[in-house]
């Protein structure tokens, strides 16, 4: 592990949850969905920053850093690194779906200047929190009730973020994609087919709601 990776990872590990008492299955999955939704919400700010800089949506170098950090955090948290990488890959692809959708409709982009470095610091923190949430949700992930519990938690998160209406099909579809590999045996269940980006229908007088950063 190189020095830069150690410097990045050690502070973030402070956010890993205590493992003394694991939450119940539904509570663990609800927490996991909350972290996934919070991380996905950062895609709005990333898109706004890239609209100004002209940076590409696809950033293989940055994605490799995120996936590498997730694998290392998983090893320390007792989570299968391959599982962590799959879930984070779904999250990354879902975030790019949001970025592309917003960049196609500049009127929906976050107003004002965006500090991309600060946003990425938040993403790094949420990445490690996500691994910790995966660790807590381990027993629930393998149970037969996982899909139903996960869907209920997802719907609640969509309502809280305002992503549950036809006006914001983009974020709702992205959240389903981001959760596609959470339940055992359900890998990729929430994927949006290539070229199948949902159309974004919004009333011009209706403000866009986002999860708090």
N, C-alpha and C. Protein backbone atom coordinates (compact mmCIF):
# COMPACT_ATOMS: atom_id res chain seq x y z
N UNK A 1 0.86 -1.19 0.00
CA UNK A 1 0.00 0.00 0.00
C UNK A 1 0.89 1.23 0.00
N UNK A 2 0.66 2.20 -0.94
CA UNK A 2 1.54 3.35 -1.00
C UNK A 2 1.18 4.38 0.07
N UNK A 3 2.10 5.33 0.26
CA UNK A 3 1.93 6.30 1.35
C UNK A 3 0.67 7.12 1.18
N UNK A 4 0.36 7.51 -0.04
CA UNK A 4 -0.84 8.31 -0.29
C UNK A 4 -2.10 7.56 0.12
N UNK A 5 -2.12 6.27 -0.19
CA UNK A 5 -3.29 5.46 0.16
C UNK A 5 -3.46 5.37 1.67
N UNK A 6 -2.33 5.24 2.39
CA UNK A 6 -2.39 5.16 3.85
C UNK A 6 -2.92 6.47 4.42
N UNK A 7 -2.40 7.58 3.91
CA UNK A 7 -2.84 8.89 4.40
C UNK A 7 -4.33 9.08 4.18
N UNK A 8 -4.84 8.61 3.04
CA UNK A 8 -6.27 8.73 2.73
C UNK A 8 -7.11 7.82 3.60
N UNK A 9 -6.66 6.59 3.80
CA UNK A 9 -7.50 5.57 4.42
C UNK A 9 -7.59 5.70 5.92
N UNK A 10 -6.48 6.00 6.60
CA UNK A 10 -6.48 5.97 8.07
C UNK A 10 -7.51 6.92 8.67
N UNK A 11 -7.61 8.20 8.24
CA UNK A 11 -8.64 9.05 8.84
C UNK A 11 -10.04 8.56 8.56
N UNK A 12 -10.25 7.99 7.38
CA UNK A 12 -11.59 7.54 7.03
C UNK A 12 -12.03 6.36 7.86
N UNK A 13 -11.10 5.55 8.32
CA UNK A 13 -11.46 4.38 9.12
C UNK A 13 -12.08 4.77 10.45
N UNK A 14 -11.90 6.02 10.85
CA UNK A 14 -12.53 6.48 12.08
C UNK A 14 -14.04 6.45 11.96
N UNK A 15 -14.55 6.42 10.71
CA UNK A 15 -15.99 6.44 10.51
C UNK A 15 -16.59 5.04 10.45
N UNK A 16 -15.76 4.01 10.50
CA UNK A 16 -16.30 2.66 10.52
C UNK A 16 -17.08 2.46 11.82
N UNK A 17 -18.29 1.83 11.75
CA UNK A 17 -19.10 1.69 12.95
C UNK A 17 -18.51 0.70 13.92
N UNK A 18 -18.83 0.88 15.21
CA UNK A 18 -18.45 -0.10 16.22
C UNK A 18 -19.20 -1.39 15.95
N UNK A 19 -18.53 -2.54 16.14
CA UNK A 19 -19.14 -3.81 15.79
C UNK A 19 -19.68 -4.56 17.01
N UNK A 20 -19.71 -3.90 18.18
CA UNK A 20 -20.11 -4.60 19.40
C UNK A 20 -21.54 -5.10 19.31
N UNK A 21 -22.43 -4.28 18.76
CA UNK A 21 -23.84 -4.67 18.69
C UNK A 21 -24.35 -4.35 17.29
N UNK A 22 -24.59 -5.38 16.50
CA UNK A 22 -25.07 -5.17 15.15
C UNK A 22 -26.56 -4.84 15.16
N UNK A 23 -27.01 -3.93 14.27
CA UNK A 23 -28.43 -3.62 14.21
C UNK A 23 -29.21 -4.77 13.61
N UNK A 24 -30.54 -4.73 13.78
CA UNK A 24 -31.39 -5.75 13.18
C UNK A 24 -31.31 -5.66 11.66
N UNK A 25 -31.82 -6.71 10.98
CA UNK A 25 -31.70 -6.76 9.52
C UNK A 25 -32.31 -5.56 8.83
N UNK A 26 -33.55 -5.18 9.21
CA UNK A 26 -34.17 -4.05 8.53
C UNK A 26 -33.46 -2.74 8.86
N UNK A 27 -33.00 -2.59 10.12
CA UNK A 27 -32.28 -1.37 10.49
C UNK A 27 -30.94 -1.28 9.76
N UNK A 28 -30.27 -2.42 9.62
CA UNK A 28 -28.97 -2.44 8.94
C UNK A 28 -29.13 -2.07 7.47
N UNK A 29 -30.15 -2.62 6.82
CA UNK A 29 -30.36 -2.32 5.40
C UNK A 29 -30.83 -0.88 5.22
N UNK A 30 -31.64 -0.40 6.15
CA UNK A 30 -32.08 1.00 6.07
C UNK A 30 -30.88 1.94 6.16
N UNK A 31 -29.96 1.63 7.09
CA UNK A 31 -28.76 2.46 7.22
C UNK A 31 -27.92 2.38 5.96
N UNK A 32 -27.78 1.19 5.41
CA UNK A 32 -27.00 1.02 4.19
C UNK A 32 -27.59 1.84 3.05
N UNK A 33 -28.90 1.76 2.88
CA UNK A 33 -29.55 2.53 1.81
C UNK A 33 -29.35 4.02 2.04
N UNK A 34 -29.41 4.45 3.30
CA UNK A 34 -29.20 5.87 3.58
C UNK A 34 -27.83 6.35 3.17
N UNK A 35 -26.81 5.53 3.44
CA UNK A 35 -25.45 5.91 3.05
C UNK A 35 -25.33 5.92 1.53
N UNK A 36 -25.90 4.92 0.86
CA UNK A 36 -25.86 4.86 -0.60
C UNK A 36 -26.53 6.10 -1.20
N UNK A 37 -27.70 6.47 -0.66
CA UNK A 37 -28.43 7.63 -1.18
C UNK A 37 -27.65 8.92 -0.94
N UNK A 38 -27.04 9.05 0.24
CA UNK A 38 -26.25 10.25 0.52
C UNK A 38 -25.06 10.36 -0.42
N UNK A 39 -24.44 9.21 -0.70
CA UNK A 39 -23.29 9.23 -1.61
C UNK A 39 -23.76 9.54 -3.03
N UNK A 40 -24.90 8.98 -3.44
CA UNK A 40 -25.42 9.24 -4.77
C UNK A 40 -25.78 10.72 -4.95
N UNK A 41 -26.26 11.36 -3.88
CA UNK A 41 -26.65 12.76 -3.97
C UNK A 41 -25.47 13.67 -4.31
N UNK A 42 -24.26 13.23 -4.03
CA UNK A 42 -23.09 14.06 -4.35
C UNK A 42 -22.86 14.16 -5.85
N UNK A 43 -23.49 13.28 -6.62
CA UNK A 43 -23.32 13.32 -8.08
C UNK A 43 -23.83 14.64 -8.65
N UNK A 44 -24.81 15.28 -7.99
CA UNK A 44 -25.32 16.57 -8.47
C UNK A 44 -24.21 17.62 -8.45
N UNK A 45 -23.48 17.67 -7.34
CA UNK A 45 -22.40 18.65 -7.23
C UNK A 45 -21.26 18.33 -8.18
N UNK A 46 -20.96 17.05 -8.35
CA UNK A 46 -19.89 16.65 -9.28
C UNK A 46 -20.26 17.08 -10.70
N UNK A 47 -21.52 16.87 -11.08
CA UNK A 47 -21.97 17.26 -12.41
C UNK A 47 -21.85 18.77 -12.60
N UNK A 48 -22.22 19.54 -11.57
CA UNK A 48 -22.13 21.00 -11.67
C UNK A 48 -20.69 21.45 -11.86
N UNK A 49 -19.78 20.82 -11.12
CA UNK A 49 -18.36 21.17 -11.25
C UNK A 49 -17.85 20.83 -12.65
N UNK A 50 -18.22 19.67 -13.17
CA UNK A 50 -17.74 19.25 -14.48
C UNK A 50 -18.35 20.09 -15.60
N UNK A 51 -19.55 20.63 -15.36
CA UNK A 51 -20.15 21.51 -16.36
C UNK A 51 -19.31 22.78 -16.54
N UNK A 52 -18.67 23.21 -15.46
CA UNK A 52 -17.83 24.41 -15.51
C UNK A 52 -16.45 24.09 -16.09
N UNK A 53 -15.86 22.99 -15.64
CA UNK A 53 -14.49 22.65 -16.06
C UNK A 53 -14.43 21.93 -17.39
N UNK A 54 -15.56 21.36 -17.81
CA UNK A 54 -15.56 20.56 -19.03
C UNK A 54 -14.97 19.18 -18.83
N UNK A 55 -14.79 18.78 -17.57
CA UNK A 55 -14.23 17.46 -17.28
C UNK A 55 -15.16 16.35 -17.73
N UNK A 56 -14.62 15.20 -18.11
CA UNK A 56 -15.46 14.09 -18.59
C UNK A 56 -16.18 13.41 -17.43
N UNK A 57 -17.32 12.82 -17.74
CA UNK A 57 -18.05 12.05 -16.74
C UNK A 57 -17.22 10.84 -16.32
N UNK A 58 -16.67 10.14 -17.29
CA UNK A 58 -15.84 8.97 -17.00
C UNK A 58 -14.45 9.43 -16.56
N UNK A 59 -14.02 8.95 -15.39
CA UNK A 59 -12.72 9.32 -14.85
C UNK A 59 -12.07 8.06 -14.28
N UNK A 60 -11.49 7.22 -15.16
CA UNK A 60 -10.96 5.93 -14.72
C UNK A 60 -9.96 6.03 -13.58
N UNK A 61 -9.13 7.05 -13.56
CA UNK A 61 -8.13 7.17 -12.50
C UNK A 61 -8.81 7.40 -11.15
N UNK A 62 -9.77 8.30 -11.11
CA UNK A 62 -10.51 8.57 -9.88
C UNK A 62 -11.30 7.32 -9.45
N UNK A 63 -11.92 6.64 -10.40
CA UNK A 63 -12.69 5.44 -10.07
C UNK A 63 -11.80 4.37 -9.46
N UNK A 64 -10.58 4.24 -9.98
CA UNK A 64 -9.65 3.25 -9.44
C UNK A 64 -9.28 3.57 -8.00
N UNK A 65 -9.13 4.86 -7.69
CA UNK A 65 -8.83 5.28 -6.31
C UNK A 65 -9.98 4.90 -5.39
N UNK A 66 -11.22 5.17 -5.82
CA UNK A 66 -12.40 4.87 -5.01
C UNK A 66 -12.52 3.36 -4.75
N UNK A 67 -12.37 2.57 -5.81
CA UNK A 67 -12.52 1.11 -5.66
C UNK A 67 -11.38 0.53 -4.82
N UNK A 68 -10.19 1.07 -4.99
CA UNK A 68 -9.07 0.59 -4.18
C UNK A 68 -9.27 0.89 -2.70
N UNK A 69 -9.76 2.09 -2.39
CA UNK A 69 -10.02 2.45 -1.00
C UNK A 69 -11.11 1.56 -0.41
N UNK A 70 -12.12 1.25 -1.22
CA UNK A 70 -13.21 0.39 -0.74
C UNK A 70 -12.69 -1.01 -0.43
N UNK A 71 -11.84 -1.54 -1.27
CA UNK A 71 -11.28 -2.87 -1.03
C UNK A 71 -10.45 -2.90 0.26
N UNK A 72 -9.62 -1.88 0.46
CA UNK A 72 -8.78 -1.85 1.66
C UNK A 72 -9.62 -1.69 2.92
N UNK A 73 -10.64 -0.85 2.86
CA UNK A 73 -11.53 -0.69 4.01
C UNK A 73 -12.28 -1.98 4.28
N UNK A 74 -12.66 -2.70 3.22
CA UNK A 74 -13.38 -3.96 3.39
C UNK A 74 -12.51 -4.99 4.11
N UNK A 75 -11.25 -5.07 3.75
CA UNK A 75 -10.35 -6.02 4.41
C UNK A 75 -10.28 -5.75 5.91
N UNK A 76 -10.24 -4.49 6.29
CA UNK A 76 -10.15 -4.14 7.70
C UNK A 76 -11.48 -4.31 8.43
N UNK A 77 -12.59 -4.23 7.69
CA UNK A 77 -13.92 -4.34 8.30
C UNK A 77 -14.46 -5.77 8.28
N UNK A 78 -13.71 -6.70 7.69
CA UNK A 78 -14.19 -8.08 7.62
C UNK A 78 -15.23 -8.30 6.55
N UNK A 79 -15.22 -7.48 5.51
CA UNK A 79 -16.14 -7.61 4.38
C UNK A 79 -15.37 -8.16 3.19
N UNK A 80 -16.00 -9.01 2.40
CA UNK A 80 -15.38 -9.53 1.19
C UNK A 80 -15.00 -8.36 0.29
N UNK A 81 -13.72 -8.16 -0.02
CA UNK A 81 -13.33 -7.03 -0.87
C UNK A 81 -13.99 -7.05 -2.24
N UNK A 82 -14.23 -8.25 -2.78
CA UNK A 82 -14.88 -8.33 -4.09
C UNK A 82 -16.31 -7.81 -4.01
N UNK A 83 -17.00 -8.12 -2.89
CA UNK A 83 -18.36 -7.61 -2.69
C UNK A 83 -18.34 -6.09 -2.60
N UNK A 84 -17.42 -5.56 -1.79
CA UNK A 84 -17.33 -4.11 -1.65
C UNK A 84 -17.07 -3.45 -3.00
N UNK A 85 -16.21 -4.05 -3.80
CA UNK A 85 -15.90 -3.48 -5.12
C UNK A 85 -17.12 -3.53 -6.03
N UNK A 86 -17.90 -4.63 -5.97
CA UNK A 86 -19.11 -4.71 -6.81
C UNK A 86 -20.12 -3.63 -6.43
N UNK A 87 -20.35 -3.49 -5.13
CA UNK A 87 -21.32 -2.50 -4.67
C UNK A 87 -20.85 -1.09 -5.01
N UNK A 88 -19.56 -0.83 -4.82
CA UNK A 88 -19.04 0.50 -5.16
C UNK A 88 -19.04 0.73 -6.66
N UNK A 89 -18.81 -0.31 -7.44
CA UNK A 89 -18.88 -0.14 -8.89
C UNK A 89 -20.29 0.24 -9.32
N UNK A 90 -21.30 -0.43 -8.73
CA UNK A 90 -22.69 -0.06 -9.01
C UNK A 90 -22.93 1.40 -8.64
N UNK A 91 -22.39 1.81 -7.49
CA UNK A 91 -22.57 3.18 -7.02
C UNK A 91 -21.91 4.17 -7.99
N UNK A 92 -20.72 3.85 -8.43
CA UNK A 92 -20.01 4.73 -9.36
C UNK A 92 -20.79 4.88 -10.67
N UNK A 93 -21.27 3.75 -11.20
CA UNK A 93 -22.01 3.80 -12.46
C UNK A 93 -23.33 4.57 -12.29
N UNK A 94 -23.98 4.39 -11.15
CA UNK A 94 -25.22 5.12 -10.88
C UNK A 94 -24.94 6.62 -10.80
N UNK A 95 -23.83 6.97 -10.14
CA UNK A 95 -23.46 8.38 -10.07
C UNK A 95 -23.21 8.98 -11.44
N UNK A 96 -22.61 8.21 -12.31
CA UNK A 96 -22.36 8.70 -13.67
C UNK A 96 -23.66 8.83 -14.45
N UNK A 97 -24.63 7.95 -14.18
CA UNK A 97 -25.95 8.11 -14.80
C UNK A 97 -26.55 9.47 -14.43
N UNK A 98 -26.45 9.82 -13.14
CA UNK A 98 -26.98 11.10 -12.68
C UNK A 98 -26.22 12.26 -13.34
N UNK A 99 -24.90 12.17 -13.37
CA UNK A 99 -24.12 13.24 -13.99
C UNK A 99 -24.53 13.45 -15.45
N UNK A 100 -24.63 12.36 -16.19
CA UNK A 100 -24.99 12.50 -17.62
C UNK A 100 -26.38 13.10 -17.78
N UNK A 101 -27.32 12.64 -16.94
CA UNK A 101 -28.67 13.17 -17.03
C UNK A 101 -28.73 14.66 -16.74
N UNK A 102 -28.02 15.10 -15.71
CA UNK A 102 -28.04 16.51 -15.37
C UNK A 102 -27.30 17.36 -16.39
N UNK A 103 -26.21 16.84 -16.94
CA UNK A 103 -25.47 17.60 -17.94
C UNK A 103 -26.26 17.76 -19.23
N UNK A 104 -27.21 16.85 -19.46
CA UNK A 104 -28.08 17.00 -20.63
C UNK A 104 -29.13 18.08 -20.40
N UNK A 105 -29.39 18.42 -19.13
CA UNK A 105 -30.37 19.45 -18.79
C UNK A 105 -29.70 20.45 -17.84
N UNK A 106 -28.91 21.37 -18.37
CA UNK A 106 -28.13 22.28 -17.54
C UNK A 106 -28.97 23.09 -16.55
N UNK A 107 -30.25 23.27 -16.85
CA UNK A 107 -31.11 24.03 -15.94
C UNK A 107 -31.30 23.36 -14.60
N UNK A 108 -30.98 22.08 -14.51
CA UNK A 108 -31.14 21.35 -13.26
C UNK A 108 -29.86 21.27 -12.44
N UNK A 109 -28.78 21.81 -12.96
CA UNK A 109 -27.50 21.72 -12.26
C UNK A 109 -27.51 22.59 -11.00
N UNK A 110 -26.73 22.16 -10.00
CA UNK A 110 -26.59 22.91 -8.77
C UNK A 110 -26.07 24.31 -9.07
N UNK A 111 -26.74 25.33 -8.51
CA UNK A 111 -26.34 26.71 -8.77
C UNK A 111 -25.14 27.08 -7.90
N UNK A 112 -24.34 28.01 -8.42
CA UNK A 112 -23.22 28.52 -7.64
C UNK A 112 -21.97 27.68 -7.83
N UNK A 113 -20.83 28.20 -7.34
CA UNK A 113 -19.56 27.49 -7.49
C UNK A 113 -19.53 26.22 -6.64
N UNK A 114 -18.85 25.21 -7.16
CA UNK A 114 -18.73 23.93 -6.46
C UNK A 114 -17.25 23.60 -6.30
N UNK A 115 -16.86 23.28 -5.08
CA UNK A 115 -15.48 22.87 -4.79
C UNK A 115 -15.40 21.35 -4.97
N UNK A 116 -14.93 20.91 -6.13
CA UNK A 116 -14.92 19.49 -6.44
C UNK A 116 -14.03 18.72 -5.47
N UNK A 117 -12.92 19.32 -5.04
CA UNK A 117 -12.04 18.62 -4.10
C UNK A 117 -12.77 18.35 -2.78
N UNK A 118 -13.56 19.32 -2.31
CA UNK A 118 -14.31 19.13 -1.07
C UNK A 118 -15.38 18.07 -1.24
N UNK A 119 -16.03 18.06 -2.40
CA UNK A 119 -17.05 17.05 -2.66
C UNK A 119 -16.43 15.66 -2.66
N UNK A 120 -15.26 15.55 -3.25
CA UNK A 120 -14.60 14.24 -3.30
C UNK A 120 -14.15 13.78 -1.92
N UNK A 121 -13.78 14.71 -1.07
CA UNK A 121 -13.47 14.34 0.31
C UNK A 121 -14.69 13.74 0.99
N UNK A 122 -15.85 14.34 0.77
CA UNK A 122 -17.09 13.80 1.33
C UNK A 122 -17.39 12.42 0.75
N UNK A 123 -17.18 12.27 -0.55
CA UNK A 123 -17.41 10.97 -1.19
C UNK A 123 -16.51 9.92 -0.57
N UNK A 124 -15.25 10.25 -0.30
CA UNK A 124 -14.32 9.30 0.29
C UNK A 124 -14.79 8.86 1.68
N UNK A 125 -15.28 9.81 2.47
CA UNK A 125 -15.81 9.48 3.79
C UNK A 125 -17.01 8.54 3.65
N UNK A 126 -17.93 8.87 2.73
CA UNK A 126 -19.13 8.06 2.55
C UNK A 126 -18.79 6.68 1.99
N UNK A 127 -17.72 6.57 1.22
CA UNK A 127 -17.30 5.27 0.70
C UNK A 127 -16.96 4.33 1.86
N UNK A 128 -16.19 4.82 2.82
CA UNK A 128 -15.82 3.98 3.96
C UNK A 128 -17.02 3.71 4.85
N UNK A 129 -17.91 4.69 5.01
CA UNK A 129 -19.14 4.45 5.77
C UNK A 129 -19.98 3.37 5.10
N UNK A 130 -19.97 3.38 3.78
CA UNK A 130 -20.73 2.37 3.04
C UNK A 130 -20.18 0.97 3.30
N UNK A 131 -18.87 0.85 3.34
CA UNK A 131 -18.27 -0.45 3.65
C UNK A 131 -18.66 -0.89 5.06
N UNK A 132 -18.63 0.04 6.00
CA UNK A 132 -19.05 -0.29 7.35
C UNK A 132 -20.50 -0.73 7.40
N UNK A 133 -21.36 -0.07 6.62
CA UNK A 133 -22.77 -0.45 6.57
C UNK A 133 -22.94 -1.84 5.94
N UNK A 134 -22.11 -2.15 4.96
CA UNK A 134 -22.15 -3.49 4.37
C UNK A 134 -21.78 -4.55 5.41
N UNK A 135 -20.80 -4.23 6.25
CA UNK A 135 -20.40 -5.17 7.29
C UNK A 135 -21.56 -5.43 8.25
N UNK A 136 -22.24 -4.38 8.67
CA UNK A 136 -23.37 -4.54 9.58
C UNK A 136 -24.53 -5.29 8.94
N UNK A 137 -24.69 -5.13 7.63
CA UNK A 137 -25.82 -5.73 6.93
C UNK A 137 -25.52 -7.15 6.45
N UNK A 138 -24.35 -7.67 6.79
CA UNK A 138 -23.96 -8.99 6.29
C UNK A 138 -25.02 -10.07 6.46
N UNK A 139 -25.53 -10.32 7.68
CA UNK A 139 -26.54 -11.37 7.85
C UNK A 139 -27.82 -11.10 7.06
N UNK A 140 -28.25 -9.83 7.03
CA UNK A 140 -29.49 -9.48 6.33
C UNK A 140 -29.36 -9.64 4.83
N UNK A 141 -28.16 -9.39 4.29
CA UNK A 141 -27.94 -9.49 2.85
C UNK A 141 -28.22 -10.89 2.32
N UNK A 142 -27.90 -11.90 3.14
CA UNK A 142 -28.05 -13.27 2.67
C UNK A 142 -29.40 -13.88 2.95
N UNK A 143 -30.28 -13.17 3.63
CA UNK A 143 -31.59 -13.71 3.97
C UNK A 143 -32.60 -13.55 2.85
N UNK A 144 -33.60 -14.40 2.88
CA UNK A 144 -34.63 -14.33 1.85
C UNK A 144 -35.46 -13.07 1.90
N UNK A 145 -35.46 -12.40 3.06
CA UNK A 145 -36.24 -11.17 3.20
C UNK A 145 -35.50 -9.95 2.66
N UNK A 146 -34.24 -10.11 2.27
CA UNK A 146 -33.44 -8.96 1.86
C UNK A 146 -34.07 -8.12 0.75
N UNK A 147 -34.52 -8.73 -0.36
CA UNK A 147 -35.07 -7.88 -1.43
C UNK A 147 -36.23 -7.01 -0.98
N UNK A 148 -37.14 -7.58 -0.20
CA UNK A 148 -38.28 -6.81 0.26
C UNK A 148 -37.89 -5.70 1.22
N UNK A 149 -37.01 -6.02 2.17
CA UNK A 149 -36.54 -5.01 3.11
C UNK A 149 -35.76 -3.91 2.40
N UNK A 150 -34.94 -4.31 1.44
CA UNK A 150 -34.14 -3.32 0.71
C UNK A 150 -35.04 -2.40 -0.11
N UNK A 151 -36.05 -2.97 -0.76
CA UNK A 151 -36.96 -2.15 -1.56
C UNK A 151 -37.74 -1.18 -0.69
N UNK A 152 -38.15 -1.62 0.50
CA UNK A 152 -38.87 -0.73 1.40
C UNK A 152 -37.97 0.42 1.85
N UNK A 153 -36.72 0.11 2.16
CA UNK A 153 -35.78 1.15 2.57
C UNK A 153 -35.49 2.10 1.41
N UNK A 154 -35.39 1.54 0.21
CA UNK A 154 -35.14 2.39 -0.96
C UNK A 154 -36.30 3.36 -1.20
N UNK A 155 -37.52 2.86 -1.10
CA UNK A 155 -38.68 3.73 -1.32
C UNK A 155 -38.73 4.86 -0.29
N UNK A 156 -38.38 4.52 0.96
CA UNK A 156 -38.36 5.54 2.00
C UNK A 156 -37.29 6.59 1.71
N UNK A 157 -36.13 6.15 1.24
CA UNK A 157 -35.06 7.09 0.91
C UNK A 157 -35.45 7.98 -0.27
N UNK A 158 -36.12 7.39 -1.25
CA UNK A 158 -36.57 8.18 -2.41
C UNK A 158 -37.56 9.26 -1.97
N UNK A 159 -38.49 8.89 -1.08
CA UNK A 159 -39.46 9.89 -0.60
C UNK A 159 -38.76 11.00 0.17
N UNK A 160 -37.81 10.62 1.00
CA UNK A 160 -37.09 11.62 1.80
C UNK A 160 -36.31 12.60 0.93
N UNK A 161 -35.79 12.11 -0.19
CA UNK A 161 -34.98 12.94 -1.08
C UNK A 161 -35.80 13.62 -2.17
N UNK A 162 -37.08 13.25 -2.28
CA UNK A 162 -37.89 13.79 -3.37
C UNK A 162 -37.61 13.13 -4.70
N UNK A 163 -37.12 11.90 -4.65
CA UNK A 163 -36.77 11.18 -5.87
C UNK A 163 -37.86 10.20 -6.30
N UNK A 164 -39.01 10.23 -5.68
CA UNK A 164 -40.02 9.19 -5.88
C UNK A 164 -41.07 9.56 -6.93
N UNK A 165 -40.99 10.73 -7.51
CA UNK A 165 -41.99 11.15 -8.47
C UNK A 165 -41.46 11.05 -9.89
N UNK A 166 -42.39 11.16 -10.86
CA UNK A 166 -41.98 11.13 -12.27
C UNK A 166 -41.11 12.32 -12.62
N UNK A 167 -41.21 13.39 -11.81
CA UNK A 167 -40.39 14.56 -12.07
C UNK A 167 -38.90 14.28 -11.86
N UNK A 168 -38.59 13.24 -11.09
CA UNK A 168 -37.18 12.92 -10.84
C UNK A 168 -36.94 11.43 -11.02
N UNK A 169 -37.28 10.95 -12.19
CA UNK A 169 -37.03 9.54 -12.50
C UNK A 169 -35.54 9.23 -12.54
N UNK A 170 -34.73 10.24 -12.83
CA UNK A 170 -33.29 10.03 -12.96
C UNK A 170 -32.67 9.51 -11.67
N UNK A 171 -32.89 10.20 -10.56
CA UNK A 171 -32.29 9.79 -9.30
C UNK A 171 -32.89 8.48 -8.78
N UNK A 172 -34.18 8.29 -8.99
CA UNK A 172 -34.81 7.04 -8.55
C UNK A 172 -34.21 5.84 -9.25
N UNK A 173 -34.04 5.94 -10.57
CA UNK A 173 -33.44 4.85 -11.33
C UNK A 173 -31.99 4.63 -10.93
N UNK A 174 -31.28 5.72 -10.67
CA UNK A 174 -29.88 5.60 -10.26
C UNK A 174 -29.75 4.93 -8.90
N UNK A 175 -30.66 5.22 -7.98
CA UNK A 175 -30.61 4.58 -6.67
C UNK A 175 -30.85 3.08 -6.79
N UNK A 176 -31.79 2.69 -7.64
CA UNK A 176 -32.02 1.25 -7.84
C UNK A 176 -30.77 0.59 -8.41
N UNK A 177 -30.11 1.26 -9.32
CA UNK A 177 -28.88 0.69 -9.89
C UNK A 177 -27.79 0.58 -8.83
N UNK A 178 -27.68 1.60 -7.99
CA UNK A 178 -26.64 1.62 -6.97
C UNK A 178 -26.80 0.49 -5.96
N UNK A 179 -28.03 -0.01 -5.80
CA UNK A 179 -28.31 -1.07 -4.82
C UNK A 179 -28.37 -2.46 -5.46
N UNK A 180 -28.03 -2.55 -6.74
CA UNK A 180 -28.24 -3.78 -7.49
C UNK A 180 -27.51 -5.00 -6.97
N UNK A 181 -26.39 -4.83 -6.29
CA UNK A 181 -25.60 -5.98 -5.83
C UNK A 181 -25.64 -6.19 -4.32
N UNK A 182 -26.52 -5.47 -3.63
CA UNK A 182 -26.54 -5.55 -2.17
C UNK A 182 -27.02 -6.90 -1.67
N UNK A 183 -28.19 -7.34 -2.12
CA UNK A 183 -28.72 -8.62 -1.66
C UNK A 183 -27.99 -9.76 -2.36
N UNK A 184 -27.64 -10.79 -1.61
CA UNK A 184 -26.96 -11.94 -2.19
C UNK A 184 -27.83 -12.56 -3.28
N UNK A 185 -27.22 -12.85 -4.44
CA UNK A 185 -27.95 -13.46 -5.53
C UNK A 185 -28.77 -12.49 -6.35
N UNK A 186 -28.59 -11.20 -6.09
CA UNK A 186 -29.38 -10.20 -6.82
C UNK A 186 -28.49 -9.24 -7.58
N UNK A 187 -27.33 -9.68 -7.95
CA UNK A 187 -26.34 -8.81 -8.58
C UNK A 187 -26.88 -8.16 -9.84
N UNK A 188 -26.74 -6.82 -9.87
CA UNK A 188 -27.13 -6.07 -11.06
C UNK A 188 -28.62 -5.94 -11.24
N UNK A 189 -29.44 -6.23 -10.20
CA UNK A 189 -30.88 -6.22 -10.37
C UNK A 189 -31.43 -4.85 -10.71
N UNK A 190 -30.73 -3.82 -10.27
CA UNK A 190 -31.25 -2.48 -10.49
C UNK A 190 -30.62 -1.76 -11.67
N UNK A 191 -29.97 -2.47 -12.55
CA UNK A 191 -29.23 -1.81 -13.63
C UNK A 191 -30.17 -1.21 -14.67
N UNK A 192 -29.72 -0.08 -15.21
CA UNK A 192 -30.40 0.54 -16.33
C UNK A 192 -29.67 0.12 -17.59
N UNK A 193 -30.35 -0.47 -18.59
CA UNK A 193 -29.66 -0.93 -19.79
C UNK A 193 -28.92 0.21 -20.47
N UNK A 194 -27.84 -0.13 -21.16
CA UNK A 194 -27.08 0.88 -21.88
C UNK A 194 -27.99 1.60 -22.86
N UNK A 195 -27.92 2.92 -22.86
CA UNK A 195 -28.78 3.69 -23.75
C UNK A 195 -30.19 3.84 -23.22
N UNK A 196 -30.47 3.28 -22.03
CA UNK A 196 -31.81 3.31 -21.50
C UNK A 196 -31.98 4.31 -20.37
N UNK A 197 -31.32 5.45 -20.46
CA UNK A 197 -31.44 6.47 -19.42
C UNK A 197 -32.88 6.93 -19.33
N UNK A 198 -33.42 7.05 -18.11
CA UNK A 198 -34.79 7.51 -17.97
C UNK A 198 -34.92 8.96 -18.39
N UNK A 199 -36.05 9.29 -18.96
CA UNK A 199 -36.32 10.67 -19.31
C UNK A 199 -36.62 11.44 -18.04
N UNK A 200 -36.18 12.69 -17.98
CA UNK A 200 -36.38 13.52 -16.80
C UNK A 200 -37.53 14.47 -17.10
N UNK A 201 -38.61 14.31 -16.35
CA UNK A 201 -39.75 15.18 -16.53
C UNK A 201 -39.88 16.05 -15.29
N UNK A 202 -39.79 17.38 -15.49
CA UNK A 202 -39.88 18.27 -14.35
C UNK A 202 -40.76 19.45 -14.68
N UNK A 203 -41.51 19.87 -13.70
CA UNK A 203 -42.26 21.10 -13.84
C UNK A 203 -41.28 22.26 -13.65
N UNK A 204 -41.34 23.30 -14.51
CA UNK A 204 -40.38 24.41 -14.38
C UNK A 204 -40.54 25.18 -13.09
N UNK A 205 -41.70 25.06 -12.44
CA UNK A 205 -41.94 25.79 -11.20
C UNK A 205 -41.70 24.96 -9.97
N UNK A 206 -41.25 23.72 -10.16
CA UNK A 206 -41.07 22.83 -9.02
C UNK A 206 -39.59 22.75 -8.67
N UNK A 207 -39.19 23.15 -7.47
CA UNK A 207 -37.75 23.12 -7.11
C UNK A 207 -37.24 21.71 -7.00
N UNK A 208 -35.97 21.55 -7.31
CA UNK A 208 -35.33 20.23 -7.21
C UNK A 208 -34.85 20.00 -5.79
N UNK A 209 -35.22 18.89 -5.18
CA UNK A 209 -34.83 18.58 -3.81
C UNK A 209 -33.67 17.60 -3.81
N UNK A 210 -32.73 17.83 -2.89
CA UNK A 210 -31.59 16.93 -2.79
C UNK A 210 -31.36 16.58 -1.33
N UNK A 211 -30.70 15.47 -1.11
CA UNK A 211 -30.31 15.13 0.24
C UNK A 211 -29.29 16.16 0.73
N UNK A 212 -29.36 16.48 2.00
CA UNK A 212 -28.41 17.44 2.55
C UNK A 212 -27.00 16.89 2.48
N UNK A 213 -26.05 17.74 2.09
CA UNK A 213 -24.65 17.30 2.01
C UNK A 213 -24.06 17.20 3.39
